Amino acid sequence: MDSEVIFYGNGGPKLLDVANLADTNRNELLSIVSRRVARVYIKDKKIYKILDYLS
């Protein structure tokens, strides 16, 4: 079962707000997302690429 989770960005909190809550900086949050999480790239409000290292 796939679930959509928005950690930050459109439809979610701002990245800086999440970093402040986690007592860290924006760069650390961006660099610790593991390869188990699929990357969905959006351009002009459309998905143009999905990168899933596990499939």
PDB file of N, CA and C in Angstrom:
ATOM      1  N   MET A   1       0.843  -1.177   0.000  1.00  0.00           N
ATOM      2  CA  MET A   1       0.000   0.000   0.000  1.00  0.00           C
ATOM      3  C   MET A   1       0.887   1.238   0.000  1.00  0.00           C
ATOM      4  N   ASP A   2       0.695   2.097  -0.979  1.00  0.00           N
ATOM      5  CA  ASP A   2       1.476   3.330  -1.054  1.00  0.00           C
ATOM      6  C   ASP A   2       0.747   4.452  -0.330  1.00  0.00           C
ATOM      7  N   SER A   3       1.505   5.263   0.345  1.00  0.00           N
ATOM      8  CA  SER A   3       0.955   6.426   1.029  1.00  0.00           C
ATOM      9  C   SER A   3       1.758   7.646   0.651  1.00  0.00           C
ATOM     10  N   GLU A   4       1.092   8.761   0.522  1.00  0.00           N
ATOM     11  CA  GLU A   4       1.779  10.006   0.229  1.00  0.00           C
ATOM     12  C   GLU A   4       2.031  10.756   1.525  1.00  0.00           C
ATOM     13  N   VAL A   5       3.252  11.181   1.699  1.00  0.00           N
ATOM     14  CA  VAL A   5       3.631  11.959   2.873  1.00  0.00           C
ATOM     15  C   VAL A   5       4.360  13.195   2.406  1.00  0.00           C
ATOM     16  N   ILE A   6       3.938  14.334   2.899  1.00  0.00           N
ATOM     17  CA  ILE A   6       4.602  15.591   2.563  1.00  0.00           C
ATOM     18  C   ILE A   6       5.289  16.085   3.826  1.00  0.00           C
ATOM     19  N   PHE A   7       6.613  16.008   3.829  1.00  0.00           N
ATOM     20  CA  PHE A   7       7.376  16.459   4.991  1.00  0.00           C
ATOM     21  C   PHE A   7       7.520  17.973   5.002  1.00  0.00           C
ATOM     22  N   TYR A   8       7.640  18.547   3.821  1.00  0.00           N
ATOM     23  CA  TYR A   8       7.777  19.993   3.686  1.00  0.00           C
ATOM     24  C   TYR A   8       7.487  20.365   2.244  1.00  0.00           C
ATOM     25  N   GLY A   9       7.181  21.624   2.043  1.00  0.00           N
ATOM     26  CA  GLY A   9       6.920  22.110   0.682  1.00  0.00           C
ATOM     27  C   GLY A   9       5.445  22.325   0.439  1.00  0.00           C
ATOM     28  N   ASN A  10       5.054  22.302  -0.821  1.00  0.00           N
ATOM     29  CA  ASN A  10       3.657  22.553  -1.191  1.00  0.00           C
ATOM     30  C   ASN A  10       2.730  21.560  -0.497  1.00  0.00           C
ATOM     31  N   GLY A  11       1.770  22.078   0.230  1.00  0.00           N
ATOM     32  CA  GLY A  11       0.842  21.226   0.956  1.00  0.00           C
ATOM     33  C   GLY A  11       1.329  20.809   2.324  1.00  0.00           C
ATOM     34  N   GLY A  12       2.506  21.232   2.694  1.00  0.00           N
ATOM     35  CA  GLY A  12       3.073  20.884   3.994  1.00  0.00           C
ATOM     36  C   GLY A  12       3.767  22.082   4.605  1.00  0.00           C
ATOM     37  N   PRO A  13       4.430  21.875   5.723  1.00  0.00           N
ATOM     38  CA  PRO A  13       5.141  22.991   6.367  1.00  0.00           C
ATOM     39  C   PRO A  13       6.367  23.411   5.556  1.00  0.00           C
ATOM     40  N   LYS A  14       6.862  24.585   5.839  1.00  0.00           N
ATOM     41  CA  LYS A  14       8.076  25.071   5.183  1.00  0.00           C
ATOM     42  C   LYS A  14       9.286  24.310   5.730  1.00  0.00           C
ATOM     43  N   LEU A  15      10.259  24.096   4.862  1.00  0.00           N
ATOM     44  CA  LEU A  15      11.463  23.350   5.239  1.00  0.00           C
ATOM     45  C   LEU A  15      12.148  23.984   6.449  1.00  0.00           C
ATOM     46  N   LEU A  16      12.245  25.290   6.470  1.00  0.00           N
ATOM     47  CA  LEU A  16      12.898  25.971   7.592  1.00  0.00           C
ATOM     48  C   LEU A  16      12.139  25.733   8.896  1.00  0.00           C
ATOM     49  N   ASP A  17      10.810  25.689   8.845  1.00  0.00           N
ATOM     50  CA  ASP A  17      10.020  25.420  10.054  1.00  0.00           C
ATOM     51  C   ASP A  17      10.297  24.016  10.585  1.00  0.00           C
ATOM     52  N   VAL A  18      10.383  23.034   9.690  1.00  0.00           N
ATOM     53  CA  VAL A  18      10.688  21.659  10.106  1.00  0.00           C
ATOM     54  C   VAL A  18      12.090  21.592  10.697  1.00  0.00           C
ATOM     55  N   ALA A  19      13.040  22.266  10.078  1.00  0.00           N
ATOM     56  CA  ALA A  19      14.415  22.283  10.587  1.00  0.00           C
ATOM     57  C   ALA A  19      14.461  22.888  11.984  1.00  0.00           C
ATOM     58  N   ASN A  20      13.737  23.956  12.197  1.00  0.00           N
ATOM     59  CA  ASN A  20      13.706  24.579  13.524  1.00  0.00           C
ATOM     60  C   ASN A  20      13.106  23.640  14.569  1.00  0.00           C
ATOM     61  N   LEU A  21      12.033  22.933  14.200  1.00  0.00           N
ATOM     62  CA  LEU A  21      11.409  21.982  15.128  1.00  0.00           C
ATOM     63  C   LEU A  21      12.361  20.837  15.468  1.00  0.00           C
ATOM     64  N   ALA A  22      13.162  20.429  14.497  1.00  0.00           N
ATOM     65  CA  ALA A  22      14.112  19.327  14.697  1.00  0.00           C
ATOM     66  C   ALA A  22      15.440  19.810  15.267  1.00  0.00           C
ATOM     67  N   ASP A  23      15.556  21.103  15.500  1.00  0.00           N
ATOM     68  CA  ASP A  23      16.779  21.704  16.040  1.00  0.00           C
ATOM     69  C   ASP A  23      17.990  21.377  15.168  1.00  0.00           C
ATOM     70  N   THR A  24      17.830  21.581  13.857  1.00  0.00           N
ATOM     71  CA  THR A  24      18.903  21.340  12.900  1.00  0.00           C
ATOM     72  C   THR A  24      18.787  22.373  11.779  1.00  0.00           C
ATOM     73  N   ASN A  25      19.516  22.152  10.694  1.00  0.00           N
ATOM     74  CA  ASN A  25      19.431  23.097   9.585  1.00  0.00           C
ATOM     75  C   ASN A  25      18.812  22.433   8.359  1.00  0.00           C
ATOM     76  N   ARG A  26      18.458  23.233   7.379  1.00  0.00           N
ATOM     77  CA  ARG A  26      17.782  22.728   6.172  1.00  0.00           C
ATOM     78  C   ARG A  26      18.629  21.713   5.419  1.00  0.00           C
ATOM     79  N   ASN A  27      19.923  21.963   5.307  1.00  0.00           N
ATOM     80  CA  ASN A  27      20.785  21.060   4.546  1.00  0.00           C
ATOM     81  C   ASN A  27      20.839  19.664   5.156  1.00  0.00           C
ATOM     82  N   GLU A  28      20.869  19.591   6.467  1.00  0.00           N
ATOM     83  CA  GLU A  28      20.903  18.278   7.106  1.00  0.00           C
ATOM     84  C   GLU A  28      19.615  17.511   6.826  1.00  0.00           C
ATOM     85  N   LEU A  29      18.498  18.178   6.883  1.00  0.00           N
ATOM     86  CA  LEU A  29      17.233  17.499   6.589  1.00  0.00           C
ATOM     87  C   LEU A  29      17.216  16.946   5.171  1.00  0.00           C
ATOM     88  N   LEU A  30      17.711  17.708   4.237  1.00  0.00           N
ATOM     89  CA  LEU A  30      17.705  17.273   2.845  1.00  0.00           C
ATOM     90  C   LEU A  30      18.663  16.122   2.595  1.00  0.00           C
ATOM     91  N   SER A  31      19.748  16.063   3.340  1.00  0.00           N
ATOM     92  CA  SER A  31      20.770  15.044   3.077  1.00  0.00           C
ATOM     93  C   SER A  31      20.520  13.726   3.796  1.00  0.00           C
ATOM     94  N   ILE A  32      19.619  13.675   4.767  1.00  0.00           N
ATOM     95  CA  ILE A  32      19.426  12.434   5.519  1.00  0.00           C
ATOM     96  C   ILE A  32      18.284  11.570   5.005  1.00  0.00           C
ATOM     97  N   VAL A  33      17.595  11.997   3.969  1.00  0.00           N
ATOM     98  CA  VAL A  33      16.524  11.178   3.401  1.00  0.00           C
ATOM     99  C   VAL A  33      17.181   9.985   2.704  1.00  0.00           C
ATOM    100  N   SER A  34      16.819   8.783   3.130  1.00  0.00           N
ATOM    101  CA  SER A  34      17.484   7.593   2.604  1.00  0.00           C
ATOM    102  C   SER A  34      17.011   7.253   1.190  1.00  0.00           C
ATOM    103  N   ARG A  35      17.718   6.328   0.568  1.00  0.00           N
ATOM    104  CA  ARG A  35      17.370   5.888  -0.786  1.00  0.00           C
ATOM    105  C   ARG A  35      16.109   5.041  -0.799  1.00  0.00           C
ATOM    106  N   ARG A  36      15.607   4.663   0.361  1.00  0.00           N
ATOM    107  CA  ARG A  36      14.355   3.902   0.427  1.00  0.00           C
ATOM    108  C   ARG A  36      13.159   4.762   0.073  1.00  0.00           C
ATOM    109  N   VAL A  37      13.326   6.069   0.128  1.00  0.00           N
ATOM    110  CA  VAL A  37      12.240   6.995  -0.177  1.00  0.00           C
ATOM    111  C   VAL A  37      12.320   7.371  -1.653  1.00  0.00           C
ATOM    112  N   ALA A  38      11.251   7.100  -2.383  1.00  0.00           N
ATOM    113  CA  ALA A  38      11.215   7.451  -3.804  1.00  0.00           C
ATOM    114  C   ALA A  38      11.225   8.967  -3.948  1.00  0.00           C
ATOM    115  N   ARG A  39      11.927   9.435  -4.967  1.00  0.00           N
ATOM    116  CA  ARG A  39      11.974  10.869  -5.248  1.00  0.00           C
ATOM    117  C   ARG A  39      10.989  11.164  -6.366  1.00  0.00           C
ATOM    118  N   VAL A  40      10.131  12.128  -6.149  1.00  0.00           N
ATOM    119  CA  VAL A  40       9.159  12.535  -7.163  1.00  0.00           C
ATOM    120  C   VAL A  40       9.490  13.968  -7.544  1.00  0.00           C
ATOM    121  N   TYR A  41       9.844  14.155  -8.797  1.00  0.00           N
ATOM    122  CA  TYR A  41      10.218  15.474  -9.291  1.00  0.00           C
ATOM    123  C   TYR A  41       9.036  16.082 -10.013  1.00  0.00           C
ATOM    124  N   ILE A  42       8.692  17.298  -9.645  1.00  0.00           N
ATOM    125  CA  ILE A  42       7.531  17.991 -10.202  1.00  0.00           C
ATOM    126  C   ILE A  42       8.002  19.267 -10.878  1.00  0.00           C
ATOM    127  N   LYS A  43       7.488  19.489 -12.085  1.00  0.00           N
ATOM    128  CA  LYS A  43       7.792  20.701 -12.833  1.00  0.00           C
ATOM    129  C   LYS A  43       6.509  21.179 -13.484  1.00  0.00           C
ATOM    130  N   ASP A  44       6.245  22.452 -13.356  1.00  0.00           N
ATOM    131  CA  ASP A  44       5.012  23.030 -13.897  1.00  0.00           C
ATOM    132  C   ASP A  44       3.781  22.266 -13.418  1.00  0.00           C
ATOM    133  N   LYS A  45       3.787  21.898 -12.145  1.00  0.00           N
ATOM    134  CA  LYS A  45       2.679  21.215 -11.478  1.00  0.00           C
ATOM    135  C   LYS A  45       2.393  19.824 -12.031  1.00  0.00           C
ATOM    136  N   LYS A  46       3.361  19.208 -12.730  1.00  0.00           N
ATOM    137  CA  LYS A  46       3.200  17.866 -13.261  1.00  0.00           C
ATOM    138  C   LYS A  46       4.413  17.016 -12.880  1.00  0.00           C
ATOM    139  N   ILE A  47       4.163  15.756 -12.593  1.00  0.00           N
ATOM    140  CA  ILE A  47       5.260  14.831 -12.307  1.00  0.00           C
ATOM    141  C   ILE A  47       5.999  14.556 -13.602  1.00  0.00           C
ATOM    142  N   TYR A  48       7.292  14.812 -13.607  1.00  0.00           N
ATOM    143  CA  TYR A  48       8.060  14.522 -14.810  1.00  0.00           C
ATOM    144  C   TYR A  48       9.093  13.431 -14.589  1.00  0.00           C
ATOM    145  N   LYS A  49       9.310  13.011 -13.335  1.00  0.00           N
ATOM    146  CA  LYS A  49      10.257  11.933 -13.095  1.00  0.00           C
ATOM    147  C   LYS A  49      10.024  11.359 -11.709  1.00  0.00           C
ATOM    148  N   ILE A  50      10.083  10.044 -11.610  1.00  0.00           N
ATOM    149  CA  ILE A  50      10.055   9.366 -10.321  1.00  0.00           C
ATOM    150  C   ILE A  50      11.307   8.500 -10.249  1.00  0.00           C
ATOM    151  N   LEU A  51      12.077   8.688  -9.218  1.00  0.00           N
ATOM    152  CA  LEU A  51      13.305   7.926  -9.031  1.00  0.00           C
ATOM    153  C   LEU A  51      13.120   7.042  -7.803  1.00  0.00           C
ATOM    154  N   ASP A  52      13.065   5.740  -8.034  1.00  0.00           N
ATOM    155  CA  ASP A  52      12.855   4.772  -6.958  1.00  0.00           C
ATOM    156  C   ASP A  52      14.009   3.784  -6.989  1.00  0.00           C
ATOM    157  N   TYR A  53      14.907   3.887  -6.036  1.00  0.00           N
ATOM    158  CA  TYR A  53      16.095   3.052  -5.998  1.00  0.00           C
ATOM    159  C   TYR A  53      15.786   1.592  -5.673  1.00  0.00           C
ATOM    160  N   LEU A  54      14.620   1.302  -5.121  1.00  0.00           N
ATOM    161  CA  LEU A  54      14.291  -0.061  -4.696  1.00  0.00           C
ATOM    162  C   LEU A  54      13.573  -0.872  -5.766  1.00  0.00           C
ATOM    163  N   SER A  55      13.168  -0.246  -6.848  1.00  0.00           N
ATOM    164  CA  SER A  55      12.450  -1.036  -7.865  1.00  0.00           C
ATOM    165  C   SER A  55      13.293  -1.276  -9.082  1.00  0.00           C
TER     166      SER A  55
END
